[in-house]
Amino acid sequence: MDKDKRVLAIVFSDDDLMRKMEDLKNQGHSESDIHMVAKDSDRLEVIERQTGAEGERVNSFKDKFKSFVSGESSVREGVKSLGLNDQETERYTADIAKGGILLYIEEDHADSL
């Protein structure tokens, strides 16, 4: 089975995040299915405790090393891993760099022969 990543939203404030999380739960998504990408790992830890969603840190030492080797920012690398087109990658990278939090889910898709 393959997993596709689908962006649900980008939010800039904690209030918007909590409203969006509530909306997503009402749509049938569980907190554990929702993933977040953010630049600020301290903020991400607080949000994980509040929401139950899983955060993806894009400024870890490992990410910074990969960025040094690849020549791309760790934020861009994190967003690029979502499999988005170049325009979406640039947009979301800029939003995260400005303090945004990107919310996405992974969806299972059966391989077809």
PDB file of N, CA and C in Angstrom:
ATOM      1  N   MET A   1       0.821  -1.178   0.000  1.00  0.00           N
ATOM      2  CA  MET A   1       0.000   0.000   0.000  1.00  0.00           C
ATOM      3  C   MET A   1       0.867   1.245   0.000  1.00  0.00           C
ATOM      4  N   ASP A   2       0.522   2.215  -0.826  1.00  0.00           N
ATOM      5  CA  ASP A   2       1.219   3.491  -0.861  1.00  0.00           C
ATOM      6  C   ASP A   2       0.490   4.490   0.003  1.00  0.00           C
ATOM      7  N   LYS A   3       1.237   5.464   0.486  1.00  0.00           N
ATOM      8  CA  LYS A   3       0.626   6.552   1.247  1.00  0.00           C
ATOM      9  C   LYS A   3       0.871   7.852   0.502  1.00  0.00           C
ATOM     10  N   ASP A   4      -0.201   8.582   0.256  1.00  0.00           N
ATOM     11  CA  ASP A   4      -0.109   9.899  -0.333  1.00  0.00           C
ATOM     12  C   ASP A   4      -0.303  10.915   0.775  1.00  0.00           C
ATOM     13  N   LYS A   5       0.460  11.988   0.697  1.00  0.00           N
ATOM     14  CA  LYS A   5       0.334  13.054   1.681  1.00  0.00           C
ATOM     15  C   LYS A   5      -0.525  14.152   1.073  1.00  0.00           C
ATOM     16  N   ARG A   6      -1.500  14.619   1.847  1.00  0.00           N
ATOM     17  CA  ARG A   6      -2.409  15.647   1.357  1.00  0.00           C
ATOM     18  C   ARG A   6      -2.425  16.813   2.341  1.00  0.00           C
ATOM     19  N   VAL A   7      -2.098  17.997   1.826  1.00  0.00           N
ATOM     20  CA  VAL A   7      -2.106  19.200   2.653  1.00  0.00           C
ATOM     21  C   VAL A   7      -3.551  19.578   2.951  1.00  0.00           C
ATOM     22  N   LEU A   8      -3.818  19.847   4.218  1.00  0.00           N
ATOM     23  CA  LEU A   8      -5.162  20.241   4.645  1.00  0.00           C
ATOM     24  C   LEU A   8      -5.272  21.738   4.864  1.00  0.00           C
ATOM     25  N   ALA A   9      -4.228  22.355   5.413  1.00  0.00           N
ATOM     26  CA  ALA A   9      -4.297  23.783   5.722  1.00  0.00           C
ATOM     27  C   ALA A   9      -2.933  24.287   6.146  1.00  0.00           C
ATOM     28  N   ILE A  10      -2.803  25.600   6.134  1.00  0.00           N
ATOM     29  CA  ILE A  10      -1.680  26.257   6.783  1.00  0.00           C
ATOM     30  C   ILE A  10      -2.277  27.337   7.673  1.00  0.00           C
ATOM     31  N   VAL A  11      -1.825  27.384   8.917  1.00  0.00           N
ATOM     32  CA  VAL A  11      -2.361  28.343   9.886  1.00  0.00           C
ATOM     33  C   VAL A  11      -1.199  29.116  10.498  1.00  0.00           C
ATOM     34  N   PHE A  12      -1.519  30.315  10.996  1.00  0.00           N
ATOM     35  CA  PHE A  12      -0.468  31.168  11.548  1.00  0.00           C
ATOM     36  C   PHE A  12      -0.638  31.437  13.035  1.00  0.00           C
ATOM     37  N   SER A  13      -1.811  31.247  13.559  1.00  0.00           N
ATOM     38  CA  SER A  13      -1.998  31.508  14.997  1.00  0.00           C
ATOM     39  C   SER A  13      -2.465  30.233  15.691  1.00  0.00           C
ATOM     40  N   ASP A  14      -2.243  30.191  17.000  1.00  0.00           N
ATOM     41  CA  ASP A  14      -2.686  29.039  17.774  1.00  0.00           C
ATOM     42  C   ASP A  14      -4.208  28.926  17.776  1.00  0.00           C
ATOM     43  N   ASP A  15      -4.901  30.072  17.792  1.00  0.00           N
ATOM     44  CA  ASP A  15      -6.371  30.053  17.744  1.00  0.00           C
ATOM     45  C   ASP A  15      -6.864  29.447  16.442  1.00  0.00           C
ATOM     46  N   ASP A  16      -6.252  29.866  15.309  1.00  0.00           N
ATOM     47  CA  ASP A  16      -6.633  29.303  14.008  1.00  0.00           C
ATOM     48  C   ASP A  16      -6.331  27.808  13.959  1.00  0.00           C
ATOM     49  N   LEU A  17      -5.214  27.419  14.558  1.00  0.00           N
ATOM     50  CA  LEU A  17      -4.853  26.003  14.593  1.00  0.00           C
ATOM     51  C   LEU A  17      -5.902  25.194  15.343  1.00  0.00           C
ATOM     52  N   MET A  18      -6.306  25.666  16.505  1.00  0.00           N
ATOM     53  CA  MET A  18      -7.289  24.930  17.301  1.00  0.00           C
ATOM     54  C   MET A  18      -8.637  24.852  16.575  1.00  0.00           C
ATOM     55  N   ARG A  19      -9.040  25.942  15.919  1.00  0.00           N
ATOM     56  CA  ARG A  19     -10.295  25.913  15.135  1.00  0.00           C
ATOM     57  C   ARG A  19     -10.194  24.915  13.981  1.00  0.00           C
ATOM     58  N   LYS A  20      -9.059  24.931  13.285  1.00  0.00           N
ATOM     59  CA  LYS A  20      -8.871  24.029  12.157  1.00  0.00           C
ATOM     60  C   LYS A  20      -8.843  22.576  12.621  1.00  0.00           C
ATOM     61  N   MET A  21      -8.182  22.317  13.737  1.00  0.00           N
ATOM     62  CA  MET A  21      -8.146  20.953  14.272  1.00  0.00           C
ATOM     63  C   MET A  21      -9.563  20.479  14.603  1.00  0.00           C
ATOM     64  N   GLU A  22     -10.360  21.345  15.195  1.00  0.00           N
ATOM     65  CA  GLU A  22     -11.753  20.995  15.517  1.00  0.00           C
ATOM     66  C   GLU A  22     -12.540  20.715  14.237  1.00  0.00           C
ATOM     67  N   ASP A  23     -12.363  21.549  13.211  1.00  0.00           N
ATOM     68  CA  ASP A  23     -13.020  21.327  11.918  1.00  0.00           C
ATOM     69  C   ASP A  23     -12.628  19.978  11.325  1.00  0.00           C
ATOM     70  N   LEU A  24     -11.332  19.669  11.377  1.00  0.00           N
ATOM     71  CA  LEU A  24     -10.850  18.409  10.813  1.00  0.00           C
ATOM     72  C   LEU A  24     -11.396  17.208  11.577  1.00  0.00           C
ATOM     73  N   LYS A  25     -11.485  17.325  12.895  1.00  0.00           N
ATOM     74  CA  LYS A  25     -12.089  16.239  13.686  1.00  0.00           C
ATOM     75  C   LYS A  25     -13.554  16.061  13.311  1.00  0.00           C
ATOM     76  N   ASN A  26     -14.262  17.161  13.109  1.00  0.00           N
ATOM     77  CA  ASN A  26     -15.673  17.085  12.704  1.00  0.00           C
ATOM     78  C   ASN A  26     -15.835  16.466  11.325  1.00  0.00           C
ATOM     79  N   GLN A  27     -14.796  16.542  10.490  1.00  0.00           N
ATOM     80  CA  GLN A  27     -14.812  15.934   9.160  1.00  0.00           C
ATOM     81  C   GLN A  27     -14.412  14.461   9.202  1.00  0.00           C
ATOM     82  N   GLY A  28     -14.078  13.964  10.400  1.00  0.00           N
ATOM     83  CA  GLY A  28     -13.763  12.544  10.534  1.00  0.00           C
ATOM     84  C   GLY A  28     -12.293  12.211  10.687  1.00  0.00           C
ATOM     85  N   HIS A  29     -11.429  13.199  10.711  1.00  0.00           N
ATOM     86  CA  HIS A  29      -9.999  12.948  10.906  1.00  0.00           C
ATOM     87  C   HIS A  29      -9.708  12.848  12.405  1.00  0.00           C
ATOM     88  N   SER A  30      -8.888  11.894  12.786  1.00  0.00           N
ATOM     89  CA  SER A  30      -8.474  11.822  14.188  1.00  0.00           C
ATOM     90  C   SER A  30      -7.179  12.624  14.349  1.00  0.00           C
ATOM     91  N   GLU A  31      -6.933  13.093  15.573  1.00  0.00           N
ATOM     92  CA  GLU A  31      -5.735  13.887  15.830  1.00  0.00           C
ATOM     93  C   GLU A  31      -4.476  13.129  15.447  1.00  0.00           C
ATOM     94  N   SER A  32      -4.462  11.832  15.688  1.00  0.00           N
ATOM     95  CA  SER A  32      -3.262  11.034  15.407  1.00  0.00           C
ATOM     96  C   SER A  32      -2.988  10.890  13.913  1.00  0.00           C
ATOM     97  N   ASP A  33      -3.975  11.166  13.071  1.00  0.00           N
ATOM     98  CA  ASP A  33      -3.787  11.101  11.616  1.00  0.00           C
ATOM     99  C   ASP A  33      -3.272  12.412  11.040  1.00  0.00           C
ATOM    100  N   ILE A  34      -3.346  13.478  11.819  1.00  0.00           N
ATOM    101  CA  ILE A  34      -2.960  14.799  11.338  1.00  0.00           C
ATOM    102  C   ILE A  34      -1.502  15.050  11.709  1.00  0.00           C
ATOM    103  N   HIS A  35      -0.742  15.473  10.731  1.00  0.00           N
ATOM    104  CA  HIS A  35       0.678  15.774  10.918  1.00  0.00           C
ATOM    105  C   HIS A  35       0.898  17.266  10.698  1.00  0.00           C
ATOM    106  N   MET A  36       1.914  17.797  11.349  1.00  0.00           N
ATOM    107  CA  MET A  36       2.224  19.214  11.242  1.00  0.00           C
ATOM    108  C   MET A  36       3.680  19.405  10.856  1.00  0.00           C
ATOM    109  N   VAL A  37       3.942  20.437  10.071  1.00  0.00           N
ATOM    110  CA  VAL A  37       5.306  20.843   9.756  1.00  0.00           C
ATOM    111  C   VAL A  37       5.434  22.295  10.199  1.00  0.00           C
ATOM    112  N   ALA A  38       6.438  22.570  11.012  1.00  0.00           N
ATOM    113  CA  ALA A  38       6.669  23.926  11.496  1.00  0.00           C
ATOM    114  C   ALA A  38       8.152  24.152  11.688  1.00  0.00           C
ATOM    115  N   LYS A  39       8.527  25.395  11.663  1.00  0.00           N
ATOM    116  CA  LYS A  39       9.927  25.775  11.817  1.00  0.00           C
ATOM    117  C   LYS A  39      10.359  25.763  13.286  1.00  0.00           C
ATOM    118  N   ASP A  40       9.481  26.156  14.175  1.00  0.00           N
ATOM    119  CA  ASP A  40       9.790  26.309  15.594  1.00  0.00           C
ATOM    120  C   ASP A  40       9.464  25.021  16.347  1.00  0.00           C
ATOM    121  N   SER A  41      10.494  24.251  16.713  1.00  0.00           N
ATOM    122  CA  SER A  41      10.252  22.955  17.350  1.00  0.00           C
ATOM    123  C   SER A  41       9.680  23.094  18.758  1.00  0.00           C
ATOM    124  N   ASP A  42      10.020  24.159  19.474  1.00  0.00           N
ATOM    125  CA  ASP A  42       9.448  24.364  20.812  1.00  0.00           C
ATOM    126  C   ASP A  42       7.944  24.577  20.720  1.00  0.00           C
ATOM    127  N   ARG A  43       7.527  25.403  19.786  1.00  0.00           N
ATOM    128  CA  ARG A  43       6.096  25.653  19.573  1.00  0.00           C
ATOM    129  C   ARG A  43       5.393  24.366  19.170  1.00  0.00           C
ATOM    130  N   LEU A  44       6.051  23.583  18.336  1.00  0.00           N
ATOM    131  CA  LEU A  44       5.481  22.326  17.862  1.00  0.00           C
ATOM    132  C   LEU A  44       5.245  21.356  19.011  1.00  0.00           C
ATOM    133  N   GLU A  45       6.167  21.285  19.950  1.00  0.00           N
ATOM    134  CA  GLU A  45       6.002  20.399  21.101  1.00  0.00           C
ATOM    135  C   GLU A  45       4.778  20.780  21.927  1.00  0.00           C
ATOM    136  N   VAL A  46       4.574  22.070  22.145  1.00  0.00           N
ATOM    137  CA  VAL A  46       3.410  22.545  22.895  1.00  0.00           C
ATOM    138  C   VAL A  46       2.133  22.168  22.158  1.00  0.00           C
ATOM    139  N   ILE A  47       2.115  22.385  20.859  1.00  0.00           N
ATOM    140  CA  ILE A  47       0.926  22.088  20.051  1.00  0.00           C
ATOM    141  C   ILE A  47       0.640  20.589  20.044  1.00  0.00           C
ATOM    142  N   GLU A  48       1.679  19.766  19.978  1.00  0.00           N
ATOM    143  CA  GLU A  48       1.488  18.312  20.021  1.00  0.00           C
ATOM    144  C   GLU A  48       0.785  17.901  21.319  1.00  0.00           C
ATOM    145  N   ARG A  49       1.222  18.480  22.428  1.00  0.00           N
ATOM    146  CA  ARG A  49       0.592  18.152  23.716  1.00  0.00           C
ATOM    147  C   ARG A  49      -0.860  18.623  23.759  1.00  0.00           C
ATOM    148  N   GLN A  50      -1.149  19.773  23.164  1.00  0.00           N
ATOM    149  CA  GLN A  50      -2.510  20.318  23.194  1.00  0.00           C
ATOM    150  C   GLN A  50      -3.462  19.567  22.275  1.00  0.00           C
ATOM    151  N   THR A  51      -2.969  19.115  21.116  1.00  0.00           N
ATOM    152  CA  THR A  51      -3.864  18.573  20.092  1.00  0.00           C
ATOM    153  C   THR A  51      -3.791  17.065  19.912  1.00  0.00           C
ATOM    154  N   GLY A  52      -2.664  16.453  20.210  1.00  0.00           N
ATOM    155  CA  GLY A  52      -2.492  15.033  19.928  1.00  0.00           C
ATOM    156  C   GLY A  52      -2.003  14.768  18.518  1.00  0.00           C
ATOM    157  N   ALA A  53      -1.856  15.821  17.704  1.00  0.00           N
ATOM    158  CA  ALA A  53      -1.342  15.664  16.345  1.00  0.00           C
ATOM    159  C   ALA A  53       0.168  15.450  16.408  1.00  0.00           C
ATOM    160  N   GLU A  54       0.716  14.869  15.347  1.00  0.00           N
ATOM    161  CA  GLU A  54       2.143  14.568  15.302  1.00  0.00           C
ATOM    162  C   GLU A  54       2.880  15.657  14.540  1.00  0.00           C
ATOM    163  N   GLY A  55       3.948  16.169  15.145  1.00  0.00           N
ATOM    164  CA  GLY A  55       4.730  17.226  14.512  1.00  0.00           C
ATOM    165  C   GLY A  55       5.955  16.693  13.813  1.00  0.00           C
ATOM    166  N   GLU A  56       6.320  17.366  12.743  1.00  0.00           N
ATOM    167  CA  GLU A  56       7.535  17.037  12.009  1.00  0.00           C
ATOM    168  C   GLU A  56       8.483  18.224  12.135  1.00  0.00           C
ATOM    169  N   ARG A  57       9.573  18.009  12.821  1.00  0.00           N
ATOM    170  CA  ARG A  57      10.531  19.085  13.034  1.00  0.00           C
ATOM    171  C   ARG A  57      11.435  19.213  11.814  1.00  0.00           C
ATOM    172  N   VAL A  58      11.538  20.436  11.306  1.00  0.00           N
ATOM    173  CA  VAL A  58      12.330  20.642  10.093  1.00  0.00           C
ATOM    174  C   VAL A  58      13.618  21.401  10.358  1.00  0.00           C
ATOM    175  N   ASN A  59      13.950  21.627  11.606  1.00  0.00           N
ATOM    176  CA  ASN A  59      15.198  22.313  11.918  1.00  0.00           C
ATOM    177  C   ASN A  59      16.057  21.503  12.877  1.00  0.00           C
ATOM    178  N   SER A  60      15.923  20.184  12.841  1.00  0.00           N
ATOM    179  CA  SER A  60      16.758  19.340  13.687  1.00  0.00           C
ATOM    180  C   SER A  60      18.191  19.345  13.151  1.00  0.00           C
ATOM    181  N   PHE A  61      19.132  18.855  13.948  1.00  0.00           N
ATOM    182  CA  PHE A  61      20.520  18.785  13.496  1.00  0.00           C
ATOM    183  C   PHE A  61      20.614  17.959  12.212  1.00  0.00           C
ATOM    184  N   LYS A  62      19.901  16.839  12.179  1.00  0.00           N
ATOM    185  CA  LYS A  62      19.914  15.976  10.990  1.00  0.00           C
ATOM    186  C   LYS A  62      19.421  16.740   9.767  1.00  0.00           C
ATOM    187  N   ASP A  63      18.331  17.505   9.927  1.00  0.00           N
ATOM    188  CA  ASP A  63      17.799  18.285   8.808  1.00  0.00           C
ATOM    189  C   ASP A  63      18.792  19.358   8.368  1.00  0.00           C
ATOM    190  N   LYS A  64      19.424  20.012   9.325  1.00  0.00           N
ATOM    191  CA  LYS A  64      20.394  21.048   8.982  1.00  0.00           C
ATOM    192  C   LYS A  64      21.579  20.455   8.232  1.00  0.00           C
ATOM    193  N   PHE A  65      22.017  19.252   8.632  1.00  0.00           N
ATOM    194  CA  PHE A  65      23.112  18.596   7.928  1.00  0.00           C
ATOM    195  C   PHE A  65      22.695  18.237   6.500  1.00  0.00           C
ATOM    196  N   LYS A  66      21.504  17.644   6.364  1.00  0.00           N
ATOM    197  CA  LYS A  66      20.992  17.318   5.025  1.00  0.00           C
ATOM    198  C   LYS A  66      20.893  18.569   4.167  1.00  0.00           C
ATOM    199  N   SER A  67      20.461  19.672   4.766  1.00  0.00           N
ATOM    200  CA  SER A  67      20.334  20.930   4.042  1.00  0.00           C
ATOM    201  C   SER A  67      21.693  21.426   3.575  1.00  0.00           C
ATOM    202  N   PHE A  68      22.694  21.285   4.430  1.00  0.00           N
ATOM    203  CA  PHE A  68      24.049  21.694   4.071  1.00  0.00           C
ATOM    204  C   PHE A  68      24.536  20.895   2.869  1.00  0.00           C
ATOM    205  N   VAL A  69      24.305  19.591   2.898  1.00  0.00           N
ATOM    206  CA  VAL A  69      24.757  18.717   1.812  1.00  0.00           C
ATOM    207  C   VAL A  69      23.975  18.974   0.527  1.00  0.00           C
ATOM    208  N   SER A  70      22.636  19.138   0.644  1.00  0.00           N
ATOM    209  CA  SER A  70      21.802  19.294  -0.548  1.00  0.00           C
ATOM    210  C   SER A  70      21.756  20.726  -1.060  1.00  0.00           C
ATOM    211  N   GLY A  71      22.071  21.694  -0.199  1.00  0.00           N
ATOM    212  CA  GLY A  71      21.994  23.093  -0.604  1.00  0.00           C
ATOM    213  C   GLY A  71      20.602  23.684  -0.467  1.00  0.00           C
ATOM    214  N   GLU A  72      19.659  22.938   0.084  1.00  0.00           N
ATOM    215  CA  GLU A  72      18.293  23.426   0.277  1.00  0.00           C
ATOM    216  C   GLU A  72      18.034  23.637   1.764  1.00  0.00           C
ATOM    217  N   SER A  73      17.126  24.567   2.092  1.00  0.00           N
ATOM    218  CA  SER A  73      16.805  24.812   3.495  1.00  0.00           C
ATOM    219  C   SER A  73      16.083  23.605   4.083  1.00  0.00           C
ATOM    220  N   SER A  74      16.197  23.451   5.412  1.00  0.00           N
ATOM    221  CA  SER A  74      15.540  22.322   6.071  1.00  0.00           C
ATOM    222  C   SER A  74      14.018  22.448   5.969  1.00  0.00           C
ATOM    223  N   VAL A  75      13.505  23.665   5.978  1.00  0.00           N
ATOM    224  CA  VAL A  75      12.057  23.861   5.814  1.00  0.00           C
ATOM    225  C   VAL A  75      11.636  23.393   4.432  1.00  0.00           C
ATOM    226  N   ARG A  76      12.378  23.797   3.407  1.00  0.00           N
ATOM    227  CA  ARG A  76      12.053  23.393   2.028  1.00  0.00           C
ATOM    228  C   ARG A  76      12.138  21.878   1.879  1.00  0.00           C
ATOM    229  N   GLU A  77      13.160  21.266   2.478  1.00  0.00           N
ATOM    230  CA  GLU A  77      13.294  19.804   2.433  1.00  0.00           C
ATOM    231  C   GLU A  77      12.069  19.134   3.044  1.00  0.00           C
ATOM    232  N   GLY A  78      11.621  19.642   4.201  1.00  0.00           N
ATOM    233  CA  GLY A  78      10.441  19.073   4.858  1.00  0.00           C
ATOM    234  C   GLY A  78       9.191  19.188   4.002  1.00  0.00           C
ATOM    235  N   VAL A  79       9.008  20.343   3.393  1.00  0.00           N
ATOM    236  CA  VAL A  79       7.832  20.552   2.536  1.00  0.00           C
ATOM    237  C   VAL A  79       7.956  19.721   1.262  1.00  0.00           C
ATOM    238  N   LYS A  80       9.149  19.655   0.720  1.00  0.00           N
ATOM    239  CA  LYS A  80       9.374  18.891  -0.506  1.00  0.00           C
ATOM    240  C   LYS A  80       9.035  17.414  -0.314  1.00  0.00           C
ATOM    241  N   SER A  81       9.229  16.907   0.903  1.00  0.00           N
ATOM    242  CA  SER A  81       8.934  15.497   1.179  1.00  0.00           C
ATOM    243  C   SER A  81       7.442  15.176   1.062  1.00  0.00           C
ATOM    244  N   LEU A  82       6.596  16.206   0.994  1.00  0.00           N
ATOM    245  CA  LEU A  82       5.156  15.985   0.849  1.00  0.00           C
ATOM    246  C   LEU A  82       4.758  15.639  -0.581  1.00  0.00           C
ATOM    247  N   GLY A  83       5.698  15.747  -1.521  1.00  0.00           N
ATOM    248  CA  GLY A  83       5.413  15.376  -2.906  1.00  0.00           C
ATOM    249  C   GLY A  83       4.596  16.418  -3.652  1.00  0.00           C
ATOM    250  N   LEU A  84       4.747  17.686  -3.295  1.00  0.00           N
ATOM    251  CA  LEU A  84       3.993  18.755  -3.938  1.00  0.00           C
ATOM    252  C   LEU A  84       4.716  19.240  -5.186  1.00  0.00           C
ATOM    253  N   ASN A  85       4.011  19.979  -6.038  1.00  0.00           N
ATOM    254  CA  ASN A  85       4.675  20.552  -7.201  1.00  0.00           C
ATOM    255  C   ASN A  85       5.552  21.721  -6.747  1.00  0.00           C
ATOM    256  N   ASP A  86       6.390  22.233  -7.634  1.00  0.00           N
ATOM    257  CA  ASP A  86       7.351  23.274  -7.269  1.00  0.00           C
ATOM    258  C   ASP A  86       6.674  24.535  -6.741  1.00  0.00           C
ATOM    259  N   GLN A  87       5.570  24.934  -7.362  1.00  0.00           N
ATOM    260  CA  GLN A  87       4.869  26.151  -6.944  1.00  0.00           C
ATOM    261  C   GLN A  87       4.304  26.003  -5.525  1.00  0.00           C
ATOM    262  N   GLU A  88       3.687  24.852  -5.245  1.00  0.00           N
ATOM    263  CA  GLU A  88       3.152  24.603  -3.906  1.00  0.00           C
ATOM    264  C   GLU A  88       4.280  24.517  -2.876  1.00  0.00           C
ATOM    265  N   THR A  89       5.368  23.866  -3.243  1.00  0.00           N
ATOM    266  CA  THR A  89       6.512  23.746  -2.346  1.00  0.00           C
ATOM    267  C   THR A  89       7.037  25.118  -1.965  1.00  0.00           C
ATOM    268  N   GLU A  90       7.193  26.006  -2.939  1.00  0.00           N
ATOM    269  CA  GLU A  90       7.683  27.357  -2.665  1.00  0.00           C
ATOM    270  C   GLU A  90       6.715  28.123  -1.777  1.00  0.00           C
ATOM    271  N   ARG A  91       5.424  28.032  -2.070  1.00  0.00           N
ATOM    272  CA  ARG A  91       4.408  28.755  -1.300  1.00  0.00           C
ATOM    273  C   ARG A  91       4.402  28.299   0.156  1.00  0.00           C
ATOM    274  N   TYR A  92       4.320  26.985   0.369  1.00  0.00           N
ATOM    275  CA  TYR A  92       4.263  26.471   1.736  1.00  0.00           C
ATOM    276  C   TYR A  92       5.574  26.690   2.491  1.00  0.00           C
ATOM    277  N   THR A  93       6.706  26.606   1.793  1.00  0.00           N
ATOM    278  CA  THR A  93       7.997  26.877   2.422  1.00  0.00           C
ATOM    279  C   THR A  93       8.036  28.317   2.928  1.00  0.00           C
ATOM    280  N   ALA A  94       7.582  29.248   2.105  1.00  0.00           N
ATOM    281  CA  ALA A  94       7.548  30.661   2.507  1.00  0.00           C
ATOM    282  C   ALA A  94       6.604  30.865   3.688  1.00  0.00           C
ATOM    283  N   ASP A  95       5.442  30.212   3.664  1.00  0.00           N
ATOM    284  CA  ASP A  95       4.475  30.342   4.761  1.00  0.00           C
ATOM    285  C   ASP A  95       5.045  29.811   6.077  1.00  0.00           C
ATOM    286  N   ILE A  96       5.725  28.678   6.024  1.00  0.00           N
ATOM    287  CA  ILE A  96       6.313  28.095   7.233  1.00  0.00           C
ATOM    288  C   ILE A  96       7.453  28.983   7.736  1.00  0.00           C
ATOM    289  N   ALA A  97       8.247  29.515   6.823  1.00  0.00           N
ATOM    290  CA  ALA A  97       9.337  30.406   7.217  1.00  0.00           C
ATOM    291  C   ALA A  97       8.813  31.657   7.920  1.00  0.00           C
ATOM    292  N   LYS A  98       7.583  32.067   7.597  1.00  0.00           N
ATOM    293  CA  LYS A  98       6.951  33.229   8.233  1.00  0.00           C
ATOM    294  C   LYS A  98       6.260  32.868   9.544  1.00  0.00           C
ATOM    295  N   GLY A  99       6.376  31.621   9.987  1.00  0.00           N
ATOM    296  CA  GLY A  99       5.777  31.206  11.252  1.00  0.00           C
ATOM    297  C   GLY A  99       4.528  30.369  11.109  1.00  0.00           C
ATOM    298  N   GLY A 100       4.182  29.975   9.895  1.00  0.00           N
ATOM    299  CA  GLY A 100       2.995  29.155   9.676  1.00  0.00           C
ATOM    300  C   GLY A 100       3.204  27.708  10.083  1.00  0.00           C
ATOM    301  N   ILE A 101       2.096  27.027  10.281  1.00  0.00           N
ATOM    302  CA  ILE A 101       2.106  25.595  10.591  1.00  0.00           C
ATOM    303  C   ILE A 101       1.302  24.901   9.501  1.00  0.00           C
ATOM    304  N   LEU A 102       1.926  23.980   8.816  1.00  0.00           N
ATOM    305  CA  LEU A 102       1.268  23.244   7.744  1.00  0.00           C
ATOM    306  C   LEU A 102       0.682  21.964   8.318  1.00  0.00           C
ATOM    307  N   LEU A 103      -0.580  21.709   8.032  1.00  0.00           N
ATOM    308  CA  LEU A 103      -1.260  20.494   8.481  1.00  0.00           C
ATOM    309  C   LEU A 103      -1.469  19.579   7.276  1.00  0.00           C
ATOM    310  N   TYR A 104      -1.139  18.308   7.438  1.00  0.00           N
ATOM    311  CA  TYR A 104      -1.363  17.343   6.359  1.00  0.00           C
ATOM    312  C   TYR A 104      -1.722  15.986   6.936  1.00  0.00           C
ATOM    313  N   ILE A 105      -2.273  15.138   6.078  1.00  0.00           N
ATOM    314  CA  ILE A 105      -2.563  13.757   6.445  1.00  0.00           C
ATOM    315  C   ILE A 105      -1.922  12.842   5.417  1.00  0.00           C
ATOM    316  N   GLU A 106      -1.736  11.602   5.821  1.00  0.00           N
ATOM    317  CA  GLU A 106      -1.284  10.567   4.901  1.00  0.00           C
ATOM    318  C   GLU A 106      -2.477   9.667   4.625  1.00  0.00           C
ATOM    319  N   GLU A 107      -2.731   9.454   3.339  1.00  0.00           N
ATOM    320  CA  GLU A 107      -3.856   8.614   2.950  1.00  0.00           C
ATOM    321  C   GLU A 107      -3.331   7.337   2.325  1.00  0.00           C
ATOM    322  N   ASP A 108      -3.932   6.207   2.699  1.00  0.00           N
ATOM    323  CA  ASP A 108      -3.537   4.912   2.124  1.00  0.00           C
ATOM    324  C   ASP A 108      -4.199   4.730   0.772  1.00  0.00           C
ATOM    325  N   HIS A 109      -3.405   4.261  -0.171  1.00  0.00           N
ATOM    326  CA  HIS A 109      -3.923   3.904  -1.487  1.00  0.00           C
ATOM    327  C   HIS A 109      -3.361   2.560  -1.867  1.00  0.00           C
ATOM    328  N   ALA A 110      -4.213   1.648  -2.269  1.00  0.00           N
ATOM    329  CA  ALA A 110      -3.785   0.316  -2.669  1.00  0.00           C
ATOM    330  C   ALA A 110      -3.064   0.398  -4.015  1.00  0.00           C
ATOM    331  N   ASP A 111      -1.986  -0.354  -4.145  1.00  0.00           N
ATOM    332  CA  ASP A 111      -1.285  -0.415  -5.428  1.00  0.00           C
ATOM    333  C   ASP A 111      -2.176  -1.143  -6.424  1.00  0.00           C
ATOM    334  N   SER A 112      -2.234  -0.623  -7.647  1.00  0.00           N
ATOM    335  CA  SER A 112      -2.998  -1.312  -8.683  1.00  0.00           C
ATOM    336  C   SER A 112      -2.030  -1.964  -9.662  1.00  0.00           C
ATOM    337  N   LEU A 113      -2.394  -3.133 -10.119  1.00  0.00           N
ATOM    338  CA  LEU A 113      -1.530  -3.868 -11.043  1.00  0.00           C
ATOM    339  C   LEU A 113      -1.874  -3.577 -12.460  1.00  0.00           C
TER     340      LEU A 113
END
